[in-house]
Amino acid sequence: MSERLDESGIESTTVSIMRTSATVKGGRRFSFAALVVVGDRQGSIGLGHQKSTQVPQAIEKSQREAKRKLRKYPLTGSTIPHTVEGRFGACKVLLVPASPGTGVVAGAAVRAPLEMLGIRDCMTKCHGSSNTLNIVKAVFNGLEQLKSREDIEAARGRTLGHSDTEIQQKLDKPVPVATEAEADSDTDTAEASAEAPTNEATAS
């Protein structure tokens, strides 16, 4: 569940709360670590991971760190520009662009940063370690590999051709807008279909 941090539109979501304990002379001393992702759902996100003796303090410290580390990443519509594989430790996360309407096919640890970034269509697959912190850092490693069309053209010094992939065709296709005549026709059809069963019941 995300929460709004300020009026600038930045939201925060807590991915995980981890408890650790240290055995001391008087018993055990507990501390908590919070893993937080903040973003504006428009291409900017940041990651924070801080510890404290209390959960609210750990979350607050993580939010401040994540806001300091906010960074912009390239997007293509509601998905990513191309396929990438992020790695961190023994964890690998594959991010694959998807056509509009697919949704985010991912677990909680991968879904949080993608949704905070503003991605609504993406397919993912995790391999290796299932540690939440490693998975989130692997996602960020994959996002750092993303390059926009303009970046690639500038690096190569030439203009790229138009992509004819299914995803690009759906992104380029305009959304159909129904005219008033079509809307009135659909309304009349719906009313006629609703009256038909009533007439049949009266005749019987």
N, C-alpha and C. Protein backbone atom coordinates (compact mmCIF):
# COMPACT_ATOMS: atom_id res chain seq x y z
N MET A 1 0.85 -1.20 0.00
CA MET A 1 0.00 0.00 0.00
C MET A 1 0.88 1.24 0.00
N SER A 2 0.71 2.11 -1.01
CA SER A 2 1.55 3.29 -1.13
C SER A 2 0.94 4.46 -0.36
N GLU A 3 1.80 5.40 0.02
CA GLU A 3 1.36 6.61 0.71
C GLU A 3 2.05 7.80 0.08
N ARG A 4 1.32 8.92 -0.01
CA ARG A 4 1.86 10.13 -0.60
C ARG A 4 2.73 10.85 0.42
N LEU A 5 3.95 11.24 -0.01
CA LEU A 5 4.89 11.89 0.90
C LEU A 5 4.72 13.40 0.94
N ASP A 6 4.51 14.01 -0.22
CA ASP A 6 4.38 15.47 -0.26
C ASP A 6 3.50 15.86 -1.44
N GLU A 7 3.39 17.18 -1.66
CA GLU A 7 2.52 17.70 -2.71
C GLU A 7 3.13 17.55 -4.10
N SER A 8 4.38 17.15 -4.19
CA SER A 8 5.02 17.01 -5.50
C SER A 8 4.61 15.75 -6.24
N GLY A 9 3.79 14.91 -5.61
CA GLY A 9 3.31 13.69 -6.26
C GLY A 9 4.16 12.47 -5.98
N ILE A 10 5.16 12.58 -5.11
CA ILE A 10 6.02 11.44 -4.78
C ILE A 10 5.30 10.52 -3.79
N GLU A 11 5.27 9.23 -4.12
CA GLU A 11 4.63 8.24 -3.26
C GLU A 11 5.67 7.27 -2.73
N SER A 12 5.32 6.62 -1.63
CA SER A 12 6.24 5.68 -0.99
C SER A 12 5.53 4.37 -0.71
N THR A 13 6.24 3.27 -0.90
CA THR A 13 5.71 1.95 -0.56
C THR A 13 6.79 1.17 0.18
N THR A 14 6.39 0.51 1.25
CA THR A 14 7.32 -0.28 2.05
C THR A 14 7.32 -1.71 1.53
N VAL A 15 8.45 -2.14 1.02
CA VAL A 15 8.55 -3.47 0.42
C VAL A 15 8.71 -4.54 1.50
N SER A 16 9.54 -4.26 2.50
CA SER A 16 9.82 -5.28 3.51
C SER A 16 10.31 -4.63 4.81
N ILE A 17 9.95 -5.28 5.93
CA ILE A 17 10.48 -4.91 7.24
C ILE A 17 11.22 -6.13 7.79
N MET A 18 12.50 -5.97 8.08
CA MET A 18 13.32 -7.09 8.55
C MET A 18 13.78 -6.85 9.99
N ARG A 19 13.63 -7.84 10.84
CA ARG A 19 14.02 -7.72 12.24
C ARG A 19 15.31 -8.51 12.50
N THR A 20 16.22 -7.88 13.18
CA THR A 20 17.46 -8.54 13.57
C THR A 20 17.63 -8.42 15.09
N SER A 21 18.38 -9.34 15.66
CA SER A 21 18.60 -9.30 17.12
C SER A 21 20.07 -9.55 17.41
N ALA A 22 20.53 -8.90 18.45
CA ALA A 22 21.91 -9.08 18.91
C ALA A 22 21.87 -9.49 20.37
N THR A 23 22.55 -10.56 20.71
CA THR A 23 22.58 -11.03 22.09
C THR A 23 23.63 -10.25 22.89
N VAL A 24 23.17 -9.58 23.93
CA VAL A 24 24.06 -8.79 24.78
C VAL A 24 23.98 -9.33 26.20
N LYS A 25 24.68 -8.66 27.09
CA LYS A 25 24.77 -9.16 28.47
C LYS A 25 23.40 -9.21 29.16
N GLY A 26 22.57 -8.22 28.89
CA GLY A 26 21.27 -8.17 29.55
C GLY A 26 20.17 -8.92 28.84
N GLY A 27 20.46 -9.54 27.74
CA GLY A 27 19.43 -10.25 26.98
C GLY A 27 19.64 -10.05 25.49
N ARG A 28 18.53 -9.81 24.77
CA ARG A 28 18.62 -9.60 23.32
C ARG A 28 18.18 -8.18 22.97
N ARG A 29 18.90 -7.58 22.02
CA ARG A 29 18.58 -6.24 21.57
C ARG A 29 18.10 -6.33 20.12
N PHE A 30 16.87 -5.85 19.87
CA PHE A 30 16.27 -5.95 18.55
C PHE A 30 16.45 -4.65 17.78
N SER A 31 16.60 -4.79 16.48
CA SER A 31 16.62 -3.64 15.58
C SER A 31 15.84 -4.01 14.32
N PHE A 32 15.36 -2.99 13.60
CA PHE A 32 14.52 -3.22 12.43
C PHE A 32 15.11 -2.50 11.23
N ALA A 33 15.06 -3.18 10.09
CA ALA A 33 15.51 -2.59 8.83
C ALA A 33 14.32 -2.49 7.89
N ALA A 34 14.15 -1.31 7.27
CA ALA A 34 13.03 -1.07 6.35
C ALA A 34 13.56 -0.91 4.93
N LEU A 35 12.89 -1.59 3.99
CA LEU A 35 13.22 -1.47 2.57
C LEU A 35 12.07 -0.71 1.91
N VAL A 36 12.36 0.50 1.43
CA VAL A 36 11.33 1.40 0.94
C VAL A 36 11.67 1.86 -0.48
N VAL A 37 10.64 1.94 -1.32
CA VAL A 37 10.78 2.46 -2.68
C VAL A 37 9.86 3.67 -2.82
N VAL A 38 10.39 4.78 -3.31
CA VAL A 38 9.58 5.98 -3.56
C VAL A 38 9.64 6.30 -5.04
N GLY A 39 8.57 6.91 -5.55
CA GLY A 39 8.52 7.27 -6.96
C GLY A 39 7.34 8.17 -7.25
N ASP A 40 7.33 8.74 -8.46
CA ASP A 40 6.24 9.64 -8.86
C ASP A 40 5.33 9.01 -9.90
N ARG A 41 5.56 7.73 -10.24
CA ARG A 41 4.78 7.00 -11.25
C ARG A 41 4.89 7.66 -12.62
N GLN A 42 5.93 8.46 -12.83
CA GLN A 42 6.14 9.12 -14.12
C GLN A 42 7.57 8.95 -14.60
N GLY A 43 8.24 7.88 -14.13
CA GLY A 43 9.58 7.60 -14.62
C GLY A 43 10.70 7.82 -13.62
N SER A 44 10.37 8.20 -12.37
CA SER A 44 11.41 8.45 -11.37
C SER A 44 11.16 7.59 -10.14
N ILE A 45 12.21 6.91 -9.66
CA ILE A 45 12.12 6.12 -8.44
C ILE A 45 13.45 6.17 -7.70
N GLY A 46 13.38 5.84 -6.41
CA GLY A 46 14.58 5.75 -5.58
C GLY A 46 14.40 4.65 -4.55
N LEU A 47 15.52 4.10 -4.08
CA LEU A 47 15.50 2.99 -3.12
C LEU A 47 16.17 3.42 -1.82
N GLY A 48 15.52 3.06 -0.70
CA GLY A 48 16.09 3.36 0.61
C GLY A 48 16.09 2.13 1.49
N HIS A 49 17.20 1.92 2.22
CA HIS A 49 17.32 0.78 3.14
C HIS A 49 18.08 1.24 4.37
N GLN A 50 17.34 1.45 5.48
CA GLN A 50 17.94 1.96 6.71
C GLN A 50 17.45 1.16 7.91
N LYS A 51 18.18 1.28 9.03
CA LYS A 51 17.86 0.53 10.24
C LYS A 51 17.57 1.48 11.39
N SER A 52 16.81 0.98 12.37
CA SER A 52 16.54 1.72 13.60
C SER A 52 16.00 0.75 14.64
N THR A 53 15.90 1.24 15.87
CA THR A 53 15.36 0.39 16.93
C THR A 53 13.85 0.34 16.91
N GLN A 54 13.22 1.25 16.16
CA GLN A 54 11.76 1.28 16.03
C GLN A 54 11.38 1.25 14.55
N VAL A 55 10.27 0.56 14.24
CA VAL A 55 9.84 0.42 12.85
C VAL A 55 9.52 1.77 12.19
N PRO A 56 8.71 2.65 12.82
CA PRO A 56 8.41 3.93 12.16
C PRO A 56 9.66 4.75 11.85
N GLN A 57 10.62 4.73 12.77
CA GLN A 57 11.86 5.48 12.53
C GLN A 57 12.65 4.88 11.37
N ALA A 58 12.67 3.56 11.27
CA ALA A 58 13.38 2.91 10.18
C ALA A 58 12.74 3.26 8.84
N ILE A 59 11.40 3.27 8.80
CA ILE A 59 10.71 3.61 7.55
C ILE A 59 10.97 5.06 7.16
N GLU A 60 10.94 5.96 8.14
CA GLU A 60 11.17 7.38 7.86
C GLU A 60 12.59 7.61 7.34
N LYS A 61 13.58 6.96 7.95
CA LYS A 61 14.95 7.11 7.48
C LYS A 61 15.12 6.56 6.08
N SER A 62 14.45 5.44 5.79
CA SER A 62 14.53 4.85 4.45
C SER A 62 13.87 5.74 3.40
N GLN A 63 12.76 6.38 3.77
CA GLN A 63 12.09 7.29 2.84
C GLN A 63 12.97 8.49 2.51
N ARG A 64 13.65 9.02 3.51
CA ARG A 64 14.55 10.16 3.25
C ARG A 64 15.70 9.74 2.33
N GLU A 65 16.25 8.56 2.56
CA GLU A 65 17.34 8.10 1.69
C GLU A 65 16.84 7.87 0.27
N ALA A 66 15.65 7.28 0.13
CA ALA A 66 15.11 7.01 -1.20
C ALA A 66 14.83 8.30 -1.96
N LYS A 67 14.36 9.34 -1.28
CA LYS A 67 14.11 10.62 -1.94
C LYS A 67 15.41 11.26 -2.41
N ARG A 68 16.49 11.06 -1.65
CA ARG A 68 17.79 11.60 -2.07
C ARG A 68 18.31 10.88 -3.31
N LYS A 69 17.91 9.61 -3.48
CA LYS A 69 18.43 8.80 -4.58
C LYS A 69 17.47 8.73 -5.77
N LEU A 70 16.47 9.61 -5.81
CA LEU A 70 15.53 9.60 -6.93
C LEU A 70 16.26 9.77 -8.26
N ARG A 71 15.88 8.94 -9.22
CA ARG A 71 16.53 8.99 -10.52
C ARG A 71 15.50 8.73 -11.62
N LYS A 72 15.73 9.33 -12.78
CA LYS A 72 14.82 9.19 -13.92
C LYS A 72 15.25 8.02 -14.78
N TYR A 73 14.26 7.22 -15.22
CA TYR A 73 14.52 6.08 -16.11
C TYR A 73 13.64 6.20 -17.35
N PRO A 74 14.14 5.76 -18.52
CA PRO A 74 13.34 5.89 -19.75
C PRO A 74 12.21 4.87 -19.80
N LEU A 75 11.06 5.32 -20.29
CA LEU A 75 9.90 4.46 -20.49
C LEU A 75 9.39 4.61 -21.91
N THR A 76 8.66 3.59 -22.37
CA THR A 76 7.99 3.64 -23.67
C THR A 76 6.51 3.41 -23.44
N GLY A 77 5.76 4.49 -23.36
CA GLY A 77 4.35 4.35 -23.04
C GLY A 77 4.18 3.85 -21.62
N SER A 78 3.52 2.70 -21.49
CA SER A 78 3.28 2.11 -20.17
C SER A 78 4.20 0.93 -19.89
N THR A 79 5.26 0.76 -20.71
CA THR A 79 6.17 -0.36 -20.52
C THR A 79 7.61 0.12 -20.66
N ILE A 80 8.56 -0.82 -20.70
CA ILE A 80 9.97 -0.47 -20.83
C ILE A 80 10.39 -0.53 -22.29
N PRO A 81 11.47 0.16 -22.67
CA PRO A 81 11.85 0.20 -24.09
C PRO A 81 12.30 -1.14 -24.66
N HIS A 82 12.96 -1.96 -23.85
CA HIS A 82 13.50 -3.22 -24.38
C HIS A 82 13.73 -4.19 -23.22
N THR A 83 14.06 -5.43 -23.57
CA THR A 83 14.30 -6.47 -22.56
C THR A 83 15.65 -6.26 -21.88
N VAL A 84 15.66 -6.41 -20.56
CA VAL A 84 16.91 -6.29 -19.79
C VAL A 84 16.92 -7.38 -18.73
N GLU A 85 18.14 -7.70 -18.27
CA GLU A 85 18.30 -8.66 -17.17
C GLU A 85 19.16 -8.01 -16.10
N GLY A 86 18.57 -7.79 -14.92
CA GLY A 86 19.30 -7.20 -13.82
C GLY A 86 19.88 -8.26 -12.92
N ARG A 87 21.04 -8.00 -12.35
CA ARG A 87 21.71 -8.96 -11.47
C ARG A 87 22.20 -8.27 -10.21
N PHE A 88 22.08 -8.99 -9.12
CA PHE A 88 22.67 -8.55 -7.86
C PHE A 88 22.90 -9.79 -7.01
N GLY A 89 24.16 -10.02 -6.66
CA GLY A 89 24.48 -11.23 -5.90
C GLY A 89 24.11 -12.48 -6.69
N ALA A 90 23.37 -13.38 -6.07
CA ALA A 90 22.96 -14.61 -6.73
C ALA A 90 21.58 -14.50 -7.35
N CYS A 91 21.07 -13.28 -7.47
CA CYS A 91 19.71 -13.08 -7.99
C CYS A 91 19.76 -12.48 -9.39
N LYS A 92 18.90 -12.98 -10.27
CA LYS A 92 18.74 -12.43 -11.62
C LYS A 92 17.26 -12.17 -11.86
N VAL A 93 16.96 -11.01 -12.41
CA VAL A 93 15.57 -10.62 -12.71
C VAL A 93 15.48 -10.22 -14.17
N LEU A 94 14.61 -10.89 -14.91
CA LEU A 94 14.40 -10.59 -16.33
C LEU A 94 13.17 -9.71 -16.47
N LEU A 95 13.33 -8.57 -17.14
CA LEU A 95 12.23 -7.64 -17.40
C LEU A 95 11.95 -7.61 -18.89
N VAL A 96 10.72 -7.92 -19.27
CA VAL A 96 10.35 -8.01 -20.68
C VAL A 96 9.20 -7.04 -20.96
N PRO A 97 9.30 -6.19 -21.98
CA PRO A 97 8.20 -5.27 -22.30
C PRO A 97 6.97 -6.04 -22.76
N ALA A 98 5.80 -5.48 -22.48
CA ALA A 98 4.54 -6.14 -22.82
C ALA A 98 3.60 -5.13 -23.48
N SER A 99 2.64 -5.64 -24.23
CA SER A 99 1.69 -4.79 -24.93
C SER A 99 0.69 -4.20 -23.95
N PRO A 100 0.05 -3.09 -24.31
CA PRO A 100 -0.92 -2.45 -23.40
C PRO A 100 -2.05 -3.41 -23.02
N GLY A 101 -2.39 -3.41 -21.74
CA GLY A 101 -3.45 -4.28 -21.24
C GLY A 101 -2.94 -5.55 -20.59
N THR A 102 -1.64 -5.82 -20.70
CA THR A 102 -1.07 -7.03 -20.12
C THR A 102 -1.03 -6.96 -18.60
N GLY A 103 -0.67 -5.79 -18.07
CA GLY A 103 -0.50 -5.64 -16.63
C GLY A 103 0.92 -5.99 -16.21
N VAL A 104 1.19 -5.86 -14.94
CA VAL A 104 2.51 -6.18 -14.39
C VAL A 104 2.47 -7.61 -13.86
N VAL A 105 3.15 -8.51 -14.56
CA VAL A 105 3.20 -9.92 -14.15
C VAL A 105 4.46 -10.10 -13.32
N ALA A 106 4.32 -9.98 -12.00
CA ALA A 106 5.49 -10.01 -11.12
C ALA A 106 5.05 -10.28 -9.69
N GLY A 107 6.02 -10.68 -8.88
CA GLY A 107 5.78 -10.85 -7.46
C GLY A 107 5.83 -9.51 -6.75
N ALA A 108 5.62 -9.53 -5.44
CA ALA A 108 5.54 -8.29 -4.67
C ALA A 108 6.83 -7.49 -4.71
N ALA A 109 7.99 -8.18 -4.60
CA ALA A 109 9.27 -7.48 -4.55
C ALA A 109 9.60 -6.79 -5.87
N VAL A 110 9.20 -7.39 -6.98
CA VAL A 110 9.47 -6.79 -8.30
C VAL A 110 8.38 -5.79 -8.66
N ARG A 111 7.16 -6.07 -8.26
CA ARG A 111 6.04 -5.20 -8.62
C ARG A 111 6.16 -3.81 -8.00
N ALA A 112 6.64 -3.72 -6.76
CA ALA A 112 6.69 -2.43 -6.06
C ALA A 112 7.50 -1.38 -6.82
N PRO A 113 8.76 -1.64 -7.19
CA PRO A 113 9.50 -0.60 -7.92
C PRO A 113 8.93 -0.31 -9.31
N LEU A 114 8.40 -1.34 -9.98
CA LEU A 114 7.86 -1.11 -11.32
C LEU A 114 6.63 -0.21 -11.26
N GLU A 115 5.75 -0.43 -10.29
CA GLU A 115 4.55 0.40 -10.17
C GLU A 115 4.90 1.82 -9.73
N MET A 116 5.87 1.97 -8.84
CA MET A 116 6.29 3.31 -8.44
C MET A 116 6.93 4.06 -9.61
N LEU A 117 7.52 3.32 -10.55
CA LEU A 117 8.13 3.94 -11.72
C LEU A 117 7.08 4.39 -12.72
N GLY A 118 5.90 3.76 -12.68
CA GLY A 118 4.85 4.11 -13.63
C GLY A 118 4.64 3.06 -14.70
N ILE A 119 5.25 1.89 -14.55
CA ILE A 119 5.09 0.81 -15.53
C ILE A 119 3.79 0.07 -15.24
N ARG A 120 2.94 -0.06 -16.25
CA ARG A 120 1.67 -0.76 -16.09
C ARG A 120 1.60 -2.05 -16.90
N ASP A 121 2.56 -2.26 -17.79
CA ASP A 121 2.58 -3.48 -18.62
C ASP A 121 4.01 -4.00 -18.70
N CYS A 122 4.26 -5.15 -18.08
CA CYS A 122 5.60 -5.73 -18.08
C CYS A 122 5.53 -7.16 -17.58
N MET A 123 6.32 -8.03 -18.20
CA MET A 123 6.44 -9.41 -17.75
C MET A 123 7.82 -9.61 -17.13
N THR A 124 7.88 -10.36 -16.03
CA THR A 124 9.14 -10.53 -15.31
C THR A 124 9.35 -12.00 -14.94
N LYS A 125 10.61 -12.31 -14.65
CA LYS A 125 10.96 -13.66 -14.18
C LYS A 125 12.19 -13.55 -13.30
N CYS A 126 12.12 -14.16 -12.10
CA CYS A 126 13.24 -14.15 -11.17
C CYS A 126 13.95 -15.49 -11.17
N HIS A 127 15.27 -15.47 -11.11
CA HIS A 127 16.08 -16.68 -11.03
C HIS A 127 17.07 -16.53 -9.87
N GLY A 128 17.37 -17.64 -9.23
CA GLY A 128 18.39 -17.62 -8.18
C GLY A 128 17.83 -17.27 -6.83
N SER A 129 18.51 -16.40 -6.12
CA SER A 129 18.16 -16.06 -4.74
C SER A 129 16.76 -15.46 -4.65
N SER A 130 16.05 -15.79 -3.56
CA SER A 130 14.72 -15.24 -3.32
C SER A 130 14.74 -14.17 -2.24
N ASN A 131 15.93 -13.71 -1.87
CA ASN A 131 16.06 -12.65 -0.88
C ASN A 131 15.44 -11.35 -1.42
N THR A 132 14.53 -10.76 -0.62
CA THR A 132 13.80 -9.57 -1.08
C THR A 132 14.72 -8.42 -1.44
N LEU A 133 15.71 -8.15 -0.60
CA LEU A 133 16.63 -7.04 -0.85
C LEU A 133 17.41 -7.27 -2.13
N ASN A 134 17.88 -8.50 -2.35
CA ASN A 134 18.63 -8.80 -3.57
C ASN A 134 17.75 -8.65 -4.81
N ILE A 135 16.48 -9.07 -4.72
CA ILE A 135 15.58 -8.97 -5.86
C ILE A 135 15.34 -7.51 -6.24
N VAL A 136 15.07 -6.67 -5.24
CA VAL A 136 14.81 -5.26 -5.52
C VAL A 136 16.05 -4.59 -6.12
N LYS A 137 17.23 -4.90 -5.59
CA LYS A 137 18.46 -4.31 -6.14
C LYS A 137 18.74 -4.83 -7.54
N ALA A 138 18.35 -6.08 -7.82
CA ALA A 138 18.51 -6.62 -9.18
C ALA A 138 17.58 -5.90 -10.15
N VAL A 139 16.36 -5.55 -9.69
CA VAL A 139 15.45 -4.78 -10.53
C VAL A 139 16.04 -3.42 -10.87
N PHE A 140 16.61 -2.75 -9.87
CA PHE A 140 17.23 -1.45 -10.12
C PHE A 140 18.43 -1.58 -11.05
N ASN A 141 19.18 -2.67 -10.93
CA ASN A 141 20.31 -2.90 -11.84
C ASN A 141 19.82 -3.06 -13.27
N GLY A 142 18.69 -3.74 -13.44
CA GLY A 142 18.12 -3.88 -14.78
C GLY A 142 17.61 -2.56 -15.33
N LEU A 143 16.98 -1.75 -14.48
CA LEU A 143 16.46 -0.46 -14.94
C LEU A 143 17.60 0.47 -15.35
N GLU A 144 18.76 0.35 -14.70
CA GLU A 144 19.90 1.18 -15.07
C GLU A 144 20.43 0.86 -16.46
N GLN A 145 20.10 -0.32 -16.98
CA GLN A 145 20.55 -0.71 -18.32
C GLN A 145 19.61 -0.21 -19.43
N LEU A 146 18.46 0.35 -19.05
CA LEU A 146 17.50 0.81 -20.05
C LEU A 146 18.04 2.02 -20.81
N LYS A 147 17.79 2.03 -22.11
CA LYS A 147 18.19 3.15 -22.96
C LYS A 147 17.01 3.53 -23.85
N SER A 148 16.76 4.82 -23.95
CA SER A 148 15.68 5.28 -24.81
C SER A 148 16.12 5.27 -26.27
N ARG A 149 15.17 5.44 -27.16
CA ARG A 149 15.47 5.49 -28.59
C ARG A 149 16.42 6.63 -28.92
N GLU A 150 16.21 7.78 -28.25
CA GLU A 150 17.07 8.94 -28.51
C GLU A 150 18.51 8.69 -28.05
N ASP A 151 18.67 7.99 -26.91
CA ASP A 151 20.02 7.70 -26.42
C ASP A 151 20.78 6.80 -27.40
N ILE A 152 20.11 5.80 -27.94
CA ILE A 152 20.75 4.88 -28.88
C ILE A 152 21.11 5.60 -30.17
N GLU A 153 20.21 6.46 -30.66
CA GLU A 153 20.50 7.21 -31.88
C GLU A 153 21.68 8.15 -31.69
N ALA A 154 21.76 8.78 -30.51
CA ALA A 154 22.88 9.68 -30.25
C ALA A 154 24.19 8.92 -30.14
N ALA A 155 24.17 7.72 -29.56
CA ALA A 155 25.39 6.94 -29.40
C ALA A 155 25.89 6.42 -30.76
N ARG A 156 24.95 6.03 -31.62
CA ARG A 156 25.33 5.48 -32.93
C ARG A 156 25.54 6.55 -33.99
N GLY A 157 25.02 7.74 -33.76
CA GLY A 157 25.16 8.80 -34.74
C GLY A 157 24.32 8.62 -35.97
N ARG A 158 23.21 7.91 -35.84
CA ARG A 158 22.32 7.69 -36.98
C ARG A 158 20.89 7.53 -36.49
N THR A 159 19.95 7.63 -37.41
CA THR A 159 18.54 7.51 -37.07
C THR A 159 18.09 6.06 -37.20
N LEU A 160 17.40 5.58 -36.22
CA LEU A 160 16.91 4.20 -36.25
C LEU A 160 15.63 4.11 -37.06
N GLY A 161 15.43 2.95 -37.69
CA GLY A 161 14.21 2.72 -38.45
C GLY A 161 13.03 2.50 -37.54
N HIS A 162 11.85 2.53 -38.12
CA HIS A 162 10.62 2.33 -37.34
C HIS A 162 10.46 0.87 -36.98
N SER A 163 10.05 0.60 -35.74
CA SER A 163 9.85 -0.75 -35.27
C SER A 163 8.45 -1.23 -35.64
N ASP A 164 8.35 -2.46 -36.17
CA ASP A 164 7.07 -3.03 -36.56
C ASP A 164 6.63 -4.13 -35.61
N THR A 165 7.15 -4.12 -34.39
CA THR A 165 6.76 -5.14 -33.44
C THR A 165 5.30 -4.95 -33.02
N GLU A 166 4.72 -6.00 -32.50
CA GLU A 166 3.31 -5.95 -32.09
C GLU A 166 3.09 -4.92 -30.99
N ILE A 167 4.04 -4.84 -30.07
CA ILE A 167 3.90 -3.89 -28.97
C ILE A 167 3.92 -2.46 -29.50
N GLN A 168 4.88 -2.17 -30.42
CA GLN A 168 4.98 -0.82 -30.96
C GLN A 168 3.75 -0.46 -31.76
N GLN A 169 3.19 -1.43 -32.50
CA GLN A 169 1.98 -1.16 -33.28
C GLN A 169 0.82 -0.79 -32.37
N LYS A 170 0.70 -1.47 -31.22
CA LYS A 170 -0.38 -1.15 -30.29
C LYS A 170 -0.16 0.19 -29.62
N LEU A 171 1.14 0.54 -29.38
CA LEU A 171 1.42 1.84 -28.78
C LEU A 171 1.13 2.97 -29.75
N ASP A 172 1.42 2.74 -31.05
CA ASP A 172 1.21 3.77 -32.06
C ASP A 172 -0.24 3.87 -32.50
N LYS A 173 -1.03 2.81 -32.27
CA LYS A 173 -2.42 2.80 -32.73
C LYS A 173 -3.25 3.76 -31.90
N PRO A 174 -3.98 4.70 -32.54
CA PRO A 174 -4.80 5.64 -31.76
C PRO A 174 -5.98 4.95 -31.10
N VAL A 175 -6.38 5.47 -29.96
CA VAL A 175 -7.53 4.90 -29.25
C VAL A 175 -8.80 5.33 -29.94
N PRO A 176 -9.67 4.38 -30.35
CA PRO A 176 -10.90 4.75 -31.05
C PRO A 176 -11.85 5.51 -30.13
N VAL A 177 -12.43 6.60 -30.69
CA VAL A 177 -13.37 7.41 -29.93
C VAL A 177 -14.73 7.30 -30.59
N ALA A 178 -15.72 6.88 -29.86
CA ALA A 178 -17.06 6.69 -30.40
C ALA A 178 -17.74 8.04 -30.63
N THR A 179 -18.40 8.18 -31.80
CA THR A 179 -19.13 9.41 -32.10
C THR A 179 -20.47 9.41 -31.39
N GLU A 180 -21.14 10.56 -31.41
CA GLU A 180 -22.44 10.65 -30.75
C GLU A 180 -23.46 9.74 -31.41
N ALA A 181 -23.41 9.64 -32.76
CA ALA A 181 -24.35 8.78 -33.47
C ALA A 181 -24.16 7.32 -33.08
N GLU A 182 -22.87 6.87 -32.98
CA GLU A 182 -22.60 5.49 -32.59
C GLU A 182 -23.03 5.23 -31.16
N ALA A 183 -22.83 6.22 -30.27
CA ALA A 183 -23.24 6.06 -28.88
C ALA A 183 -24.75 5.94 -28.77
N ASP A 184 -25.49 6.78 -29.56
CA ASP A 184 -26.96 6.70 -29.53
C ASP A 184 -27.43 5.36 -30.08
N SER A 185 -26.74 4.87 -31.14
CA SER A 185 -27.11 3.57 -31.73
C SER A 185 -26.90 2.44 -30.73
N ASP A 186 -25.79 2.48 -29.99
CA ASP A 186 -25.53 1.45 -28.98
C ASP A 186 -26.56 1.49 -27.87
N THR A 187 -26.99 2.71 -27.50
CA THR A 187 -28.00 2.84 -26.44
C THR A 187 -29.34 2.26 -26.88
N ASP A 188 -29.73 2.56 -28.17
CA ASP A 188 -30.99 2.03 -28.69
C ASP A 188 -30.96 0.52 -28.77
N THR A 189 -29.81 -0.05 -29.17
CA THR A 189 -29.68 -1.50 -29.26
C THR A 189 -29.80 -2.15 -27.89
N ALA A 190 -29.19 -1.54 -26.89
CA ALA A 190 -29.26 -2.08 -25.54
C ALA A 190 -30.68 -2.02 -25.00
N GLU A 191 -31.40 -0.90 -25.28
CA GLU A 191 -32.78 -0.80 -24.81
C GLU A 191 -33.68 -1.81 -25.49
N ALA A 192 -33.45 -2.03 -26.80
CA ALA A 192 -34.27 -3.00 -27.54
C ALA A 192 -34.05 -4.41 -27.02
N SER A 193 -32.80 -4.76 -26.72
CA SER A 193 -32.51 -6.10 -26.20
C SER A 193 -33.08 -6.30 -24.82
N ALA A 194 -33.20 -5.20 -24.03
CA ALA A 194 -33.77 -5.30 -22.69
C ALA A 194 -35.29 -5.45 -22.74
N GLU A 195 -35.93 -4.83 -23.77
CA GLU A 195 -37.38 -4.92 -23.88
C GLU A 195 -37.83 -6.25 -24.47
N ALA A 196 -36.99 -6.92 -25.25
CA ALA A 196 -37.38 -8.15 -25.92
C ALA A 196 -37.81 -9.25 -24.95
N PRO A 197 -37.05 -9.57 -23.88
CA PRO A 197 -37.49 -10.61 -22.95
C PRO A 197 -38.81 -10.27 -22.26
N THR A 198 -39.05 -8.96 -22.02
CA THR A 198 -40.29 -8.56 -21.38
C THR A 198 -41.49 -8.83 -22.26
N ASN A 199 -41.35 -8.53 -23.58
CA ASN A 199 -42.43 -8.77 -24.52
C ASN A 199 -42.73 -10.25 -24.66
N GLU A 200 -41.68 -11.09 -24.67
CA GLU A 200 -41.88 -12.53 -24.79
C GLU A 200 -42.61 -13.08 -23.57
N ALA A 201 -42.28 -12.56 -22.37
CA ALA A 201 -42.94 -13.03 -21.15
C ALA A 201 -44.40 -12.62 -21.16
N THR A 202 -44.74 -11.42 -21.67
CA THR A 202 -46.12 -10.95 -21.72
C THR A 202 -46.94 -11.79 -22.70
N ALA A 203 -46.35 -12.14 -23.86
CA ALA A 203 -47.05 -12.94 -24.86
C ALA A 203 -47.36 -14.34 -24.36
N SER A 204 -46.45 -14.92 -23.59
CA SER A 204 -46.70 -16.26 -23.06
C SER A 204 -47.76 -16.24 -21.98
